[in-house]
Amino acid sequence: MKKEKITNPKFVQDRITELRLARDISEYKLSQDIGRSKGYIQSISSGKSLPSITSLYKICDYFEITLREFFDAGSAPDSKLVHDLILEIRRLPAEEQYFLYYFLLARKKEKDKKAMES
């Protein structure tokens, strides 16, 4: 994590917007769900204010990510479906996770083979 991300207000604004849009959540809904006024997230997104550390933790909890994951935005956030799938996979016993993993690898190999034949 680069120091510039932590100290760059624009990064924080954009990251909150990115997470919110990836899960199709309005500024109003996020504001209300974290216990803030209805315009709270809009004021952050517009650059009028920055979240407090407490609010930033609430935002991370809301999106079920760590503060580290918030600032490590190397890739686009997962869609709601992918996010929910990851949560379900984490709940599976390790043996079932491996089964699912190898199933997906076999499926990918099959699709790649078909693509090469076309």
PDB file of N, CA and C in Angstrom:
ATOM      1  N   MET A   1       0.841  -1.162   0.000  1.00  0.00           N
ATOM      2  CA  MET A   1       0.000   0.000   0.000  1.00  0.00           C
ATOM      3  C   MET A   1       0.895   1.236   0.000  1.00  0.00           C
ATOM      4  N   LYS A   2       0.664   2.098  -0.959  1.00  0.00           N
ATOM      5  CA  LYS A   2       1.479   3.305  -1.058  1.00  0.00           C
ATOM      6  C   LYS A   2       0.925   4.401  -0.161  1.00  0.00           C
ATOM      7  N   LYS A   3       1.849   5.178   0.412  1.00  0.00           N
ATOM      8  CA  LYS A   3       1.463   6.256   1.319  1.00  0.00           C
ATOM      9  C   LYS A   3       0.568   7.273   0.606  1.00  0.00           C
ATOM     10  N   GLU A   4       0.789   7.464  -0.690  1.00  0.00           N
ATOM     11  CA  GLU A   4      -0.003   8.455  -1.425  1.00  0.00           C
ATOM     12  C   GLU A   4      -1.496   8.131  -1.366  1.00  0.00           C
ATOM     13  N   LYS A   5      -1.845   6.853  -1.372  1.00  0.00           N
ATOM     14  CA  LYS A   5      -3.251   6.473  -1.327  1.00  0.00           C
ATOM     15  C   LYS A   5      -3.888   6.908  -0.010  1.00  0.00           C
ATOM     16  N   ILE A   6      -3.180   6.696   1.080  1.00  0.00           N
ATOM     17  CA  ILE A   6      -3.721   7.015   2.393  1.00  0.00           C
ATOM     18  C   ILE A   6      -3.912   8.515   2.569  1.00  0.00           C
ATOM     19  N   THR A   7      -3.014   9.287   2.023  1.00  0.00           N
ATOM     20  CA  THR A   7      -3.065  10.736   2.217  1.00  0.00           C
ATOM     21  C   THR A   7      -3.771  11.471   1.081  1.00  0.00           C
ATOM     22  N   ASN A   8      -4.259  10.755   0.091  1.00  0.00           N
ATOM     23  CA  ASN A   8      -4.914  11.380  -1.053  1.00  0.00           C
ATOM     24  C   ASN A   8      -6.435  11.349  -0.873  1.00  0.00           C
ATOM     25  N   PRO A   9      -7.047  12.501  -0.573  1.00  0.00           N
ATOM     26  CA  PRO A   9      -8.503  12.530  -0.373  1.00  0.00           C
ATOM     27  C   PRO A   9      -9.275  12.021  -1.594  1.00  0.00           C
ATOM     28  N   LYS A  10      -8.775  12.285  -2.781  1.00  0.00           N
ATOM     29  CA  LYS A  10      -9.454  11.850  -4.007  1.00  0.00           C
ATOM     30  C   LYS A  10      -9.520  10.328  -4.075  1.00  0.00           C
ATOM     31  N   PHE A  11      -8.460   9.657  -3.627  1.00  0.00           N
ATOM     32  CA  PHE A  11      -8.474   8.188  -3.619  1.00  0.00           C
ATOM     33  C   PHE A  11      -9.603   7.679  -2.731  1.00  0.00           C
ATOM     34  N   VAL A  12      -9.730   8.249  -1.540  1.00  0.00           N
ATOM     35  CA  VAL A  12     -10.765   7.814  -0.605  1.00  0.00           C
ATOM     36  C   VAL A  12     -12.149   8.050  -1.210  1.00  0.00           C
ATOM     37  N   GLN A  13     -12.361   9.219  -1.786  1.00  0.00           N
ATOM     38  CA  GLN A  13     -13.646   9.531  -2.429  1.00  0.00           C
ATOM     39  C   GLN A  13     -13.954   8.525  -3.532  1.00  0.00           C
ATOM     40  N   ASP A  14     -12.975   8.315  -4.412  1.00  0.00           N
ATOM     41  CA  ASP A  14     -13.179   7.425  -5.554  1.00  0.00           C
ATOM     42  C   ASP A  14     -13.375   5.974  -5.127  1.00  0.00           C
ATOM     43  N   ARG A  15     -12.661   5.558  -4.096  1.00  0.00           N
ATOM     44  CA  ARG A  15     -12.752   4.164  -3.638  1.00  0.00           C
ATOM     45  C   ARG A  15     -14.129   3.885  -3.052  1.00  0.00           C
ATOM     46  N   ILE A  16     -14.660   4.810  -2.272  1.00  0.00           N
ATOM     47  CA  ILE A  16     -15.998   4.628  -1.718  1.00  0.00           C
ATOM     48  C   ILE A  16     -17.018   4.552  -2.857  1.00  0.00           C
ATOM     49  N   THR A  17     -16.875   5.428  -3.834  1.00  0.00           N
ATOM     50  CA  THR A  17     -17.783   5.415  -4.986  1.00  0.00           C
ATOM     51  C   THR A  17     -17.662   4.103  -5.752  1.00  0.00           C
ATOM     52  N   GLU A  18     -16.450   3.637  -5.956  1.00  0.00           N
ATOM     53  CA  GLU A  18     -16.204   2.384  -6.675  1.00  0.00           C
ATOM     54  C   GLU A  18     -16.874   1.202  -5.963  1.00  0.00           C
ATOM     55  N   LEU A  19     -16.680   1.113  -4.667  1.00  0.00           N
ATOM     56  CA  LEU A  19     -17.283   0.020  -3.898  1.00  0.00           C
ATOM     57  C   LEU A  19     -18.808   0.094  -3.934  1.00  0.00           C
ATOM     58  N   ARG A  20     -19.314   1.296  -3.809  1.00  0.00           N
ATOM     59  CA  ARG A  20     -20.757   1.508  -3.783  1.00  0.00           C
ATOM     60  C   ARG A  20     -21.401   1.136  -5.114  1.00  0.00           C
ATOM     61  N   LEU A  21     -20.796   1.597  -6.209  1.00  0.00           N
ATOM     62  CA  LEU A  21     -21.353   1.324  -7.529  1.00  0.00           C
ATOM     63  C   LEU A  21     -21.243  -0.155  -7.909  1.00  0.00           C
ATOM     64  N   ALA A  22     -20.174  -0.800  -7.484  1.00  0.00           N
ATOM     65  CA  ALA A  22     -20.000  -2.221  -7.800  1.00  0.00           C
ATOM     66  C   ALA A  22     -21.097  -3.075  -7.177  1.00  0.00           C
ATOM     67  N   ARG A  23     -21.674  -2.567  -6.097  1.00  0.00           N
ATOM     68  CA  ARG A  23     -22.736  -3.324  -5.424  1.00  0.00           C
ATOM     69  C   ARG A  23     -24.102  -2.653  -5.588  1.00  0.00           C
ATOM     70  N   ASP A  24     -24.154  -1.656  -6.467  1.00  0.00           N
ATOM     71  CA  ASP A  24     -25.402  -0.971  -6.794  1.00  0.00           C
ATOM     72  C   ASP A  24     -26.090  -0.406  -5.549  1.00  0.00           C
ATOM     73  N   ILE A  25     -25.306   0.336  -4.763  1.00  0.00           N
ATOM     74  CA  ILE A  25     -25.811   0.944  -3.535  1.00  0.00           C
ATOM     75  C   ILE A  25     -25.763   2.462  -3.690  1.00  0.00           C
ATOM     76  N   SER A  26     -26.859   3.115  -3.387  1.00  0.00           N
ATOM     77  CA  SER A  26     -26.913   4.572  -3.524  1.00  0.00           C
ATOM     78  C   SER A  26     -26.143   5.241  -2.386  1.00  0.00           C
ATOM     79  N   GLU A  27     -25.772   6.486  -2.616  1.00  0.00           N
ATOM     80  CA  GLU A  27     -25.120   7.274  -1.575  1.00  0.00           C
ATOM     81  C   GLU A  27     -26.031   7.378  -0.358  1.00  0.00           C
ATOM     82  N   TYR A  28     -27.306   7.617  -0.623  1.00  0.00           N
ATOM     83  CA  TYR A  28     -28.291   7.758   0.455  1.00  0.00           C
ATOM     84  C   TYR A  28     -28.371   6.482   1.291  1.00  0.00           C
ATOM     85  N   LYS A  29     -28.483   5.323   0.620  1.00  0.00           N
ATOM     86  CA  LYS A  29     -28.613   4.045   1.338  1.00  0.00           C
ATOM     87  C   LYS A  29     -27.375   3.770   2.179  1.00  0.00           C
ATOM     88  N   LEU A  30     -26.196   3.975   1.609  1.00  0.00           N
ATOM     89  CA  LEU A  30     -24.970   3.740   2.367  1.00  0.00           C
ATOM     90  C   LEU A  30     -24.924   4.662   3.583  1.00  0.00           C
ATOM     91  N   SER A  31     -25.258   5.926   3.384  1.00  0.00           N
ATOM     92  CA  SER A  31     -25.274   6.884   4.499  1.00  0.00           C
ATOM     93  C   SER A  31     -26.185   6.409   5.618  1.00  0.00           C
ATOM     94  N   GLN A  32     -27.395   6.022   5.251  1.00  0.00           N
ATOM     95  CA  GLN A  32     -28.370   5.571   6.239  1.00  0.00           C
ATOM     96  C   GLN A  32     -27.915   4.272   6.918  1.00  0.00           C
ATOM     97  N   ASP A  33     -27.397   3.339   6.128  1.00  0.00           N
ATOM     98  CA  ASP A  33     -27.012   2.032   6.668  1.00  0.00           C
ATOM     99  C   ASP A  33     -25.839   2.099   7.644  1.00  0.00           C
ATOM    100  N   ILE A  34     -24.999   3.117   7.501  1.00  0.00           N
ATOM    101  CA  ILE A  34     -23.891   3.247   8.461  1.00  0.00           C
ATOM    102  C   ILE A  34     -24.220   4.235   9.583  1.00  0.00           C
ATOM    103  N   GLY A  35     -25.491   4.653   9.611  1.00  0.00           N
ATOM    104  CA  GLY A  35     -25.948   5.491  10.714  1.00  0.00           C
ATOM    105  C   GLY A  35     -25.591   6.956  10.614  1.00  0.00           C
ATOM    106  N   ARG A  36     -25.441   7.443   9.406  1.00  0.00           N
ATOM    107  CA  ARG A  36     -25.095   8.853   9.208  1.00  0.00           C
ATOM    108  C   ARG A  36     -26.253   9.573   8.529  1.00  0.00           C
ATOM    109  N   SER A  37     -26.129  10.887   8.389  1.00  0.00           N
ATOM    110  CA  SER A  37     -27.178  11.677   7.731  1.00  0.00           C
ATOM    111  C   SER A  37     -27.273  11.273   6.260  1.00  0.00           C
ATOM    112  N   LYS A  38     -28.434  11.558   5.657  1.00  0.00           N
ATOM    113  CA  LYS A  38     -28.676  11.087   4.287  1.00  0.00           C
ATOM    114  C   LYS A  38     -27.688  11.646   3.257  1.00  0.00           C
ATOM    115  N   GLY A  39     -27.092  12.796   3.514  1.00  0.00           N
ATOM    116  CA  GLY A  39     -26.156  13.388   2.563  1.00  0.00           C
ATOM    117  C   GLY A  39     -24.691  13.129   2.886  1.00  0.00           C
ATOM    118  N   TYR A  40     -24.425  12.283   3.873  1.00  0.00           N
ATOM    119  CA  TYR A  40     -23.049  12.071   4.337  1.00  0.00           C
ATOM    120  C   TYR A  40     -22.126  11.541   3.232  1.00  0.00           C
ATOM    121  N   ILE A  41     -22.511  10.466   2.581  1.00  0.00           N
ATOM    122  CA  ILE A  41     -21.656   9.876   1.539  1.00  0.00           C
ATOM    123  C   ILE A  41     -21.562  10.809   0.339  1.00  0.00           C
ATOM    124  N   GLN A  42     -22.629  11.515   0.021  1.00  0.00           N
ATOM    125  CA  GLN A  42     -22.588  12.467  -1.088  1.00  0.00           C
ATOM    126  C   GLN A  42     -21.571  13.556  -0.803  1.00  0.00           C
ATOM    127  N   SER A  43     -21.475  13.991   0.427  1.00  0.00           N
ATOM    128  CA  SER A  43     -20.507  15.044   0.764  1.00  0.00           C
ATOM    129  C   SER A  43     -19.069  14.526   0.653  1.00  0.00           C
ATOM    130  N   ILE A  44     -18.871  13.249   0.909  1.00  0.00           N
ATOM    131  CA  ILE A  44     -17.543  12.650   0.729  1.00  0.00           C
ATOM    132  C   ILE A  44     -17.241  12.509  -0.758  1.00  0.00           C
ATOM    133  N   SER A  45     -18.204  11.970  -1.511  1.00  0.00           N
ATOM    134  CA  SER A  45     -18.010  11.755  -2.952  1.00  0.00           C
ATOM    135  C   SER A  45     -17.753  13.049  -3.708  1.00  0.00           C
ATOM    136  N   SER A  46     -18.366  14.126  -3.240  1.00  0.00           N
ATOM    137  CA  SER A  46     -18.190  15.416  -3.917  1.00  0.00           C
ATOM    138  C   SER A  46     -16.934  16.151  -3.459  1.00  0.00           C
ATOM    139  N   GLY A  47     -16.252  15.615  -2.463  1.00  0.00           N
ATOM    140  CA  GLY A  47     -15.018  16.238  -1.987  1.00  0.00           C
ATOM    141  C   GLY A  47     -15.222  17.306  -0.926  1.00  0.00           C
ATOM    142  N   LYS A  48     -16.445  17.448  -0.433  1.00  0.00           N
ATOM    143  CA  LYS A  48     -16.711  18.459   0.590  1.00  0.00           C
ATOM    144  C   LYS A  48     -16.192  18.040   1.957  1.00  0.00           C
ATOM    145  N   SER A  49     -16.103  16.719   2.180  1.00  0.00           N
ATOM    146  CA  SER A  49     -15.601  16.232   3.464  1.00  0.00           C
ATOM    147  C   SER A  49     -14.925  14.883   3.273  1.00  0.00           C
ATOM    148  N   LEU A  50     -14.274  14.437   4.318  1.00  0.00           N
ATOM    149  CA  LEU A  50     -13.649  13.111   4.345  1.00  0.00           C
ATOM    150  C   LEU A  50     -14.232  12.336   5.517  1.00  0.00           C
ATOM    151  N   PRO A  51     -14.289  11.015   5.406  1.00  0.00           N
ATOM    152  CA  PRO A  51     -14.823  10.246   6.528  1.00  0.00           C
ATOM    153  C   PRO A  51     -13.850  10.235   7.701  1.00  0.00           C
ATOM    154  N   SER A  52     -14.398  10.183   8.887  1.00  0.00           N
ATOM    155  CA  SER A  52     -13.548   9.995  10.067  1.00  0.00           C
ATOM    156  C   SER A  52     -13.032   8.560  10.027  1.00  0.00           C
ATOM    157  N   ILE A  53     -12.064   8.270  10.855  1.00  0.00           N
ATOM    158  CA  ILE A  53     -11.549   6.899  10.928  1.00  0.00           C
ATOM    159  C   ILE A  53     -12.676   5.947  11.327  1.00  0.00           C
ATOM    160  N   THR A  54     -13.501   6.367  12.271  1.00  0.00           N
ATOM    161  CA  THR A  54     -14.626   5.532  12.710  1.00  0.00           C
ATOM    162  C   THR A  54     -15.582   5.259  11.561  1.00  0.00           C
ATOM    163  N   SER A  55     -15.897   6.286  10.793  1.00  0.00           N
ATOM    164  CA  SER A  55     -16.800   6.107   9.646  1.00  0.00           C
ATOM    165  C   SER A  55     -16.158   5.253   8.570  1.00  0.00           C
ATOM    166  N   LEU A  56     -14.860   5.406   8.370  1.00  0.00           N
ATOM    167  CA  LEU A  56     -14.171   4.599   7.374  1.00  0.00           C
ATOM    168  C   LEU A  56     -14.225   3.117   7.767  1.00  0.00           C
ATOM    169  N   TYR A  57     -14.059   2.839   9.049  1.00  0.00           N
ATOM    170  CA  TYR A  57     -14.202   1.457   9.520  1.00  0.00           C
ATOM    171  C   TYR A  57     -15.629   0.949   9.308  1.00  0.00           C
ATOM    172  N   LYS A  58     -16.614   1.800   9.551  1.00  0.00           N
ATOM    173  CA  LYS A  58     -18.011   1.398   9.327  1.00  0.00           C
ATOM    174  C   LYS A  58     -18.259   1.112   7.851  1.00  0.00           C
ATOM    175  N   ILE A  59     -17.677   1.922   6.986  1.00  0.00           N
ATOM    176  CA  ILE A  59     -17.822   1.706   5.541  1.00  0.00           C
ATOM    177  C   ILE A  59     -17.176   0.379   5.150  1.00  0.00           C
ATOM    178  N   CYS A  60     -15.996   0.117   5.670  1.00  0.00           N
ATOM    179  CA  CYS A  60     -15.321  -1.156   5.382  1.00  0.00           C
ATOM    180  C   CYS A  60     -16.139  -2.335   5.899  1.00  0.00           C
ATOM    181  N   ASP A  61     -16.650  -2.220   7.105  1.00  0.00           N
ATOM    182  CA  ASP A  61     -17.502  -3.282   7.659  1.00  0.00           C
ATOM    183  C   ASP A  61     -18.732  -3.488   6.787  1.00  0.00           C
ATOM    184  N   TYR A  62     -19.299  -2.406   6.315  1.00  0.00           N
ATOM    185  CA  TYR A  62     -20.491  -2.485   5.467  1.00  0.00           C
ATOM    186  C   TYR A  62     -20.209  -3.303   4.207  1.00  0.00           C
ATOM    187  N   PHE A  63     -19.050  -3.071   3.611  1.00  0.00           N
ATOM    188  CA  PHE A  63     -18.684  -3.789   2.387  1.00  0.00           C
ATOM    189  C   PHE A  63     -17.951  -5.096   2.683  1.00  0.00           C
ATOM    190  N   GLU A  64     -17.817  -5.406   3.971  1.00  0.00           N
ATOM    191  CA  GLU A  64     -17.161  -6.632   4.430  1.00  0.00           C
ATOM    192  C   GLU A  64     -15.749  -6.759   3.861  1.00  0.00           C
ATOM    193  N   ILE A  65     -15.016  -5.657   3.998  1.00  0.00           N
ATOM    194  CA  ILE A  65     -13.614  -5.640   3.611  1.00  0.00           C
ATOM    195  C   ILE A  65     -12.806  -5.067   4.768  1.00  0.00           C
ATOM    196  N   THR A  66     -11.520  -5.324   4.749  1.00  0.00           N
ATOM    197  CA  THR A  66     -10.647  -4.747   5.770  1.00  0.00           C
ATOM    198  C   THR A  66     -10.197  -3.367   5.315  1.00  0.00           C
ATOM    199  N   LEU A  67      -9.647  -2.622   6.247  1.00  0.00           N
ATOM    200  CA  LEU A  67      -9.091  -1.318   5.896  1.00  0.00           C
ATOM    201  C   LEU A  67      -7.963  -1.502   4.878  1.00  0.00           C
ATOM    202  N   ARG A  68      -7.189  -2.550   5.031  1.00  0.00           N
ATOM    203  CA  ARG A  68      -6.120  -2.849   4.079  1.00  0.00           C
ATOM    204  C   ARG A  68      -6.690  -3.075   2.674  1.00  0.00           C
ATOM    205  N   GLU A  69      -7.771  -3.848   2.590  1.00  0.00           N
ATOM    206  CA  GLU A  69      -8.404  -4.093   1.295  1.00  0.00           C
ATOM    207  C   GLU A  69      -8.968  -2.799   0.714  1.00  0.00           C
ATOM    208  N   PHE A  70      -9.450  -1.921   1.571  1.00  0.00           N
ATOM    209  CA  PHE A  70      -9.959  -0.635   1.092  1.00  0.00           C
ATOM    210  C   PHE A  70      -8.859   0.121   0.352  1.00  0.00           C
ATOM    211  N   PHE A  71      -7.669   0.180   0.962  1.00  0.00           N
ATOM    212  CA  PHE A  71      -6.573   0.937   0.366  1.00  0.00           C
ATOM    213  C   PHE A  71      -5.791   0.160  -0.687  1.00  0.00           C
ATOM    214  N   ASP A  72      -6.025  -1.131  -0.773  1.00  0.00           N
ATOM    215  CA  ASP A  72      -5.356  -1.958  -1.774  1.00  0.00           C
ATOM    216  C   ASP A  72      -6.327  -2.202  -2.925  1.00  0.00           C
ATOM    217  N   ALA A  73      -6.597  -1.160  -3.640  1.00  0.00           N
ATOM    218  CA  ALA A  73      -7.590  -1.224  -4.712  1.00  0.00           C
ATOM    219  C   ALA A  73      -6.929  -1.494  -6.056  1.00  0.00           C
ATOM    220  N   GLY A  74      -6.107  -2.528  -6.110  1.00  0.00           N
ATOM    221  CA  GLY A  74      -5.399  -2.843  -7.346  1.00  0.00           C
ATOM    222  C   GLY A  74      -6.309  -3.308  -8.453  1.00  0.00           C
ATOM    223  N   SER A  75      -7.447  -3.855  -8.086  1.00  0.00           N
ATOM    224  CA  SER A  75      -8.381  -4.313  -9.104  1.00  0.00           C
ATOM    225  C   SER A  75      -9.770  -3.807  -8.752  1.00  0.00           C
ATOM    226  N   ALA A  76     -10.656  -3.934  -9.692  1.00  0.00           N
ATOM    227  CA  ALA A  76     -12.025  -3.483  -9.478  1.00  0.00           C
ATOM    228  C   ALA A  76     -12.667  -4.321  -8.377  1.00  0.00           C
ATOM    229  N   PRO A  77     -13.553  -3.733  -7.621  1.00  0.00           N
ATOM    230  CA  PRO A  77     -14.215  -4.508  -6.574  1.00  0.00           C
ATOM    231  C   PRO A  77     -15.106  -5.585  -7.184  1.00  0.00           C
ATOM    232  N   ASP A  78     -15.333  -6.620  -6.413  1.00  0.00           N
ATOM    233  CA  ASP A  78     -16.176  -7.711  -6.886  1.00  0.00           C
ATOM    234  C   ASP A  78     -17.630  -7.270  -6.974  1.00  0.00           C
ATOM    235  N   SER A  79     -18.344  -7.897  -7.909  1.00  0.00           N
ATOM    236  CA  SER A  79     -19.783  -7.669  -7.977  1.00  0.00           C
ATOM    237  C   SER A  79     -20.422  -8.290  -6.741  1.00  0.00           C
ATOM    238  N   LYS A  80     -21.665  -7.990  -6.507  1.00  0.00           N
ATOM    239  CA  LYS A  80     -22.389  -8.571  -5.361  1.00  0.00           C
ATOM    240  C   LYS A  80     -22.394 -10.086  -5.476  1.00  0.00           C
ATOM    241  N   LEU A  81     -22.605 -10.609  -6.662  1.00  0.00           N
ATOM    242  CA  LEU A  81     -22.633 -12.054  -6.854  1.00  0.00           C
ATOM    243  C   LEU A  81     -21.297 -12.683  -6.470  1.00  0.00           C
ATOM    244  N   VAL A  82     -20.208 -12.137  -6.979  1.00  0.00           N
ATOM    245  CA  VAL A  82     -18.886 -12.681  -6.670  1.00  0.00           C
ATOM    246  C   VAL A  82     -18.606 -12.543  -5.177  1.00  0.00           C
ATOM    247  N   HIS A  83     -18.955 -11.422  -4.615  1.00  0.00           N
ATOM    248  CA  HIS A  83     -18.768 -11.203  -3.185  1.00  0.00           C
ATOM    249  C   HIS A  83     -19.516 -12.266  -2.376  1.00  0.00           C
ATOM    250  N   ASP A  84     -20.788 -12.520  -2.732  1.00  0.00           N
ATOM    251  CA  ASP A  84     -21.587 -13.515  -2.025  1.00  0.00           C
ATOM    252  C   ASP A  84     -21.027 -14.923  -2.218  1.00  0.00           C
ATOM    253  N   LEU A  85     -20.549 -15.216  -3.424  1.00  0.00           N
ATOM    254  CA  LEU A  85     -19.936 -16.522  -3.681  1.00  0.00           C
ATOM    255  C   LEU A  85     -18.700 -16.737  -2.802  1.00  0.00           C
ATOM    256  N   ILE A  86     -17.887 -15.723  -2.693  1.00  0.00           N
ATOM    257  CA  ILE A  86     -16.681 -15.823  -1.862  1.00  0.00           C
ATOM    258  C   ILE A  86     -17.058 -16.097  -0.409  1.00  0.00           C
ATOM    259  N   LEU A  87     -18.072 -15.403   0.081  1.00  0.00           N
ATOM    260  CA  LEU A  87     -18.512 -15.638   1.462  1.00  0.00           C
ATOM    261  C   LEU A  87     -18.984 -17.076   1.656  1.00  0.00           C
ATOM    262  N   GLU A  88     -19.733 -17.590   0.682  1.00  0.00           N
ATOM    263  CA  GLU A  88     -20.220 -18.971   0.785  1.00  0.00           C
ATOM    264  C   GLU A  88     -19.069 -19.973   0.701  1.00  0.00           C
ATOM    265  N   ILE A  89     -18.115 -19.725  -0.169  1.00  0.00           N
ATOM    266  CA  ILE A  89     -16.966 -20.619  -0.299  1.00  0.00           C
ATOM    267  C   ILE A  89     -16.166 -20.652   0.994  1.00  0.00           C
ATOM    268  N   ARG A  90     -16.012 -19.506   1.631  1.00  0.00           N
ATOM    269  CA  ARG A  90     -15.278 -19.450   2.902  1.00  0.00           C
ATOM    270  C   ARG A  90     -15.943 -20.284   3.982  1.00  0.00           C
ATOM    271  N   ARG A  91     -17.249 -20.466   3.881  1.00  0.00           N
ATOM    272  CA  ARG A  91     -17.978 -21.237   4.887  1.00  0.00           C
ATOM    273  C   ARG A  91     -17.857 -22.749   4.669  1.00  0.00           C
ATOM    274  N   LEU A  92     -17.419 -23.148   3.480  1.00  0.00           N
ATOM    275  CA  LEU A  92     -17.287 -24.572   3.180  1.00  0.00           C
ATOM    276  C   LEU A  92     -16.073 -25.166   3.888  1.00  0.00           C
ATOM    277  N   PRO A  93     -16.137 -26.453   4.223  1.00  0.00           N
ATOM    278  CA  PRO A  93     -14.939 -27.117   4.745  1.00  0.00           C
ATOM    279  C   PRO A  93     -13.855 -27.140   3.656  1.00  0.00           C
ATOM    280  N   ALA A  94     -12.612 -27.217   4.061  1.00  0.00           N
ATOM    281  CA  ALA A  94     -11.484 -27.170   3.117  1.00  0.00           C
ATOM    282  C   ALA A  94     -11.617 -28.216   2.006  1.00  0.00           C
ATOM    283  N   GLU A  95     -12.063 -29.398   2.359  1.00  0.00           N
ATOM    284  CA  GLU A  95     -12.201 -30.467   1.364  1.00  0.00           C
ATOM    285  C   GLU A  95     -13.167 -30.056   0.245  1.00  0.00           C
ATOM    286  N   GLU A  96     -14.274 -29.439   0.617  1.00  0.00           N
ATOM    287  CA  GLU A  96     -15.248 -28.994  -0.383  1.00  0.00           C
ATOM    288  C   GLU A  96     -14.723 -27.805  -1.180  1.00  0.00           C
ATOM    289  N   GLN A  97     -13.919 -26.953  -0.552  1.00  0.00           N
ATOM    290  CA  GLN A  97     -13.297 -25.848  -1.286  1.00  0.00           C
ATOM    291  C   GLN A  97     -12.369 -26.399  -2.371  1.00  0.00           C
ATOM    292  N   TYR A  98     -11.566 -27.416  -2.028  1.00  0.00           N
ATOM    293  CA  TYR A  98     -10.687 -28.029  -3.020  1.00  0.00           C
ATOM    294  C   TYR A  98     -11.484 -28.668  -4.143  1.00  0.00           C
ATOM    295  N   PHE A  99     -12.566 -29.352  -3.790  1.00  0.00           N
ATOM    296  CA  PHE A  99     -13.409 -29.965  -4.800  1.00  0.00           C
ATOM    297  C   PHE A  99     -13.914 -28.902  -5.790  1.00  0.00           C
ATOM    298  N   LEU A 100     -14.415 -27.810  -5.253  1.00  0.00           N
ATOM    299  CA  LEU A 100     -14.921 -26.722  -6.089  1.00  0.00           C
ATOM    300  C   LEU A 100     -13.813 -26.136  -6.954  1.00  0.00           C
ATOM    301  N   TYR A 101     -12.655 -25.942  -6.362  1.00  0.00           N
ATOM    302  CA  TYR A 101     -11.506 -25.401  -7.092  1.00  0.00           C
ATOM    303  C   TYR A 101     -11.137 -26.292  -8.279  1.00  0.00           C
ATOM    304  N   TYR A 102     -11.004 -27.589  -8.033  1.00  0.00           N
ATOM    305  CA  TYR A 102     -10.622 -28.505  -9.113  1.00  0.00           C
ATOM    306  C   TYR A 102     -11.727 -28.661 -10.143  1.00  0.00           C
ATOM    307  N   PHE A 103     -12.970 -28.564  -9.718  1.00  0.00           N
ATOM    308  CA  PHE A 103     -14.079 -28.577 -10.658  1.00  0.00           C
ATOM    309  C   PHE A 103     -13.983 -27.381 -11.611  1.00  0.00           C
ATOM    310  N   LEU A 104     -13.721 -26.212 -11.053  1.00  0.00           N
ATOM    311  CA  LEU A 104     -13.613 -25.007 -11.878  1.00  0.00           C
ATOM    312  C   LEU A 104     -12.411 -25.073 -12.812  1.00  0.00           C
ATOM    313  N   LEU A 105     -11.294 -25.615 -12.333  1.00  0.00           N
ATOM    314  CA  LEU A 105     -10.118 -25.783 -13.201  1.00  0.00           C
ATOM    315  C   LEU A 105     -10.427 -26.712 -14.365  1.00  0.00           C
ATOM    316  N   ALA A 106     -11.108 -27.827 -14.097  1.00  0.00           N
ATOM    317  CA  ALA A 106     -11.467 -28.780 -15.151  1.00  0.00           C
ATOM    318  C   ALA A 106     -12.418 -28.136 -16.154  1.00  0.00           C
ATOM    319  N   ARG A 107     -13.354 -27.360 -15.660  1.00  0.00           N
ATOM    320  CA  ARG A 107     -14.302 -26.672 -16.550  1.00  0.00           C
ATOM    321  C   ARG A 107     -13.581 -25.671 -17.448  1.00  0.00           C
ATOM    322  N   LYS A 108     -12.648 -24.926 -16.871  1.00  0.00           N
ATOM    323  CA  LYS A 108     -11.875 -23.961 -17.651  1.00  0.00           C
ATOM    324  C   LYS A 108     -11.048 -24.673 -18.716  1.00  0.00           C
ATOM    325  N   LYS A 109     -10.425 -25.771 -18.344  1.00  0.00           N
ATOM    326  CA  LYS A 109      -9.606 -26.536 -19.288  1.00  0.00           C
ATOM    327  C   LYS A 109     -10.463 -27.030 -20.451  1.00  0.00           C
ATOM    328  N   GLU A 110     -11.678 -27.484 -20.132  1.00  0.00           N
ATOM    329  CA  GLU A 110     -12.595 -27.955 -21.163  1.00  0.00           C
ATOM    330  C   GLU A 110     -13.007 -26.807 -22.092  1.00  0.00           C
ATOM    331  N   LYS A 111     -13.304 -25.662 -21.533  1.00  0.00           N
ATOM    332  CA  LYS A 111     -13.691 -24.503 -22.346  1.00  0.00           C
ATOM    333  C   LYS A 111     -12.537 -24.041 -23.221  1.00  0.00           C
ATOM    334  N   ASP A 112     -11.310 -24.033 -22.660  1.00  0.00           N
ATOM    335  CA  ASP A 112     -10.140 -23.645 -23.435  1.00  0.00           C
ATOM    336  C   ASP A 112      -9.902 -24.600 -24.591  1.00  0.00           C
ATOM    337  N   LYS A 113     -10.121 -25.887 -24.347  1.00  0.00           N
ATOM    338  CA  LYS A 113      -9.935 -26.904 -25.388  1.00  0.00           C
ATOM    339  C   LYS A 113     -10.932 -26.689 -26.514  1.00  0.00           C
ATOM    340  N   LYS A 114     -12.181 -26.417 -26.177  1.00  0.00           N
ATOM    341  CA  LYS A 114     -13.212 -26.160 -27.181  1.00  0.00           C
ATOM    342  C   LYS A 114     -12.908 -24.893 -27.978  1.00  0.00           C
ATOM    343  N   ALA A 115     -12.383 -23.887 -27.304  1.00  0.00           N
ATOM    344  CA  ALA A 115     -12.029 -22.639 -27.982  1.00  0.00           C
ATOM    345  C   ALA A 115     -10.894 -22.866 -28.973  1.00  0.00           C
ATOM    346  N   MET A 116      -9.958 -23.730 -28.631  1.00  0.00           N
ATOM    347  CA  MET A 116      -8.825 -24.020 -29.518  1.00  0.00           C
ATOM    348  C   MET A 116      -9.300 -24.797 -30.741  1.00  0.00           C
ATOM    349  N   GLU A 117     -10.325 -25.619 -30.593  1.00  0.00           N
ATOM    350  CA  GLU A 117     -10.845 -26.425 -31.694  1.00  0.00           C
ATOM    351  C   GLU A 117     -11.663 -25.598 -32.675  1.00  0.00           C
ATOM    352  N   SER A 118     -12.181 -24.468 -32.247  1.00  0.00           N
ATOM    353  CA  SER A 118     -13.019 -23.636 -33.120  1.00  0.00           C
ATOM    354  C   SER A 118     -12.218 -22.818 -34.072  1.00  0.00           C
TER     355      SER A 118
END
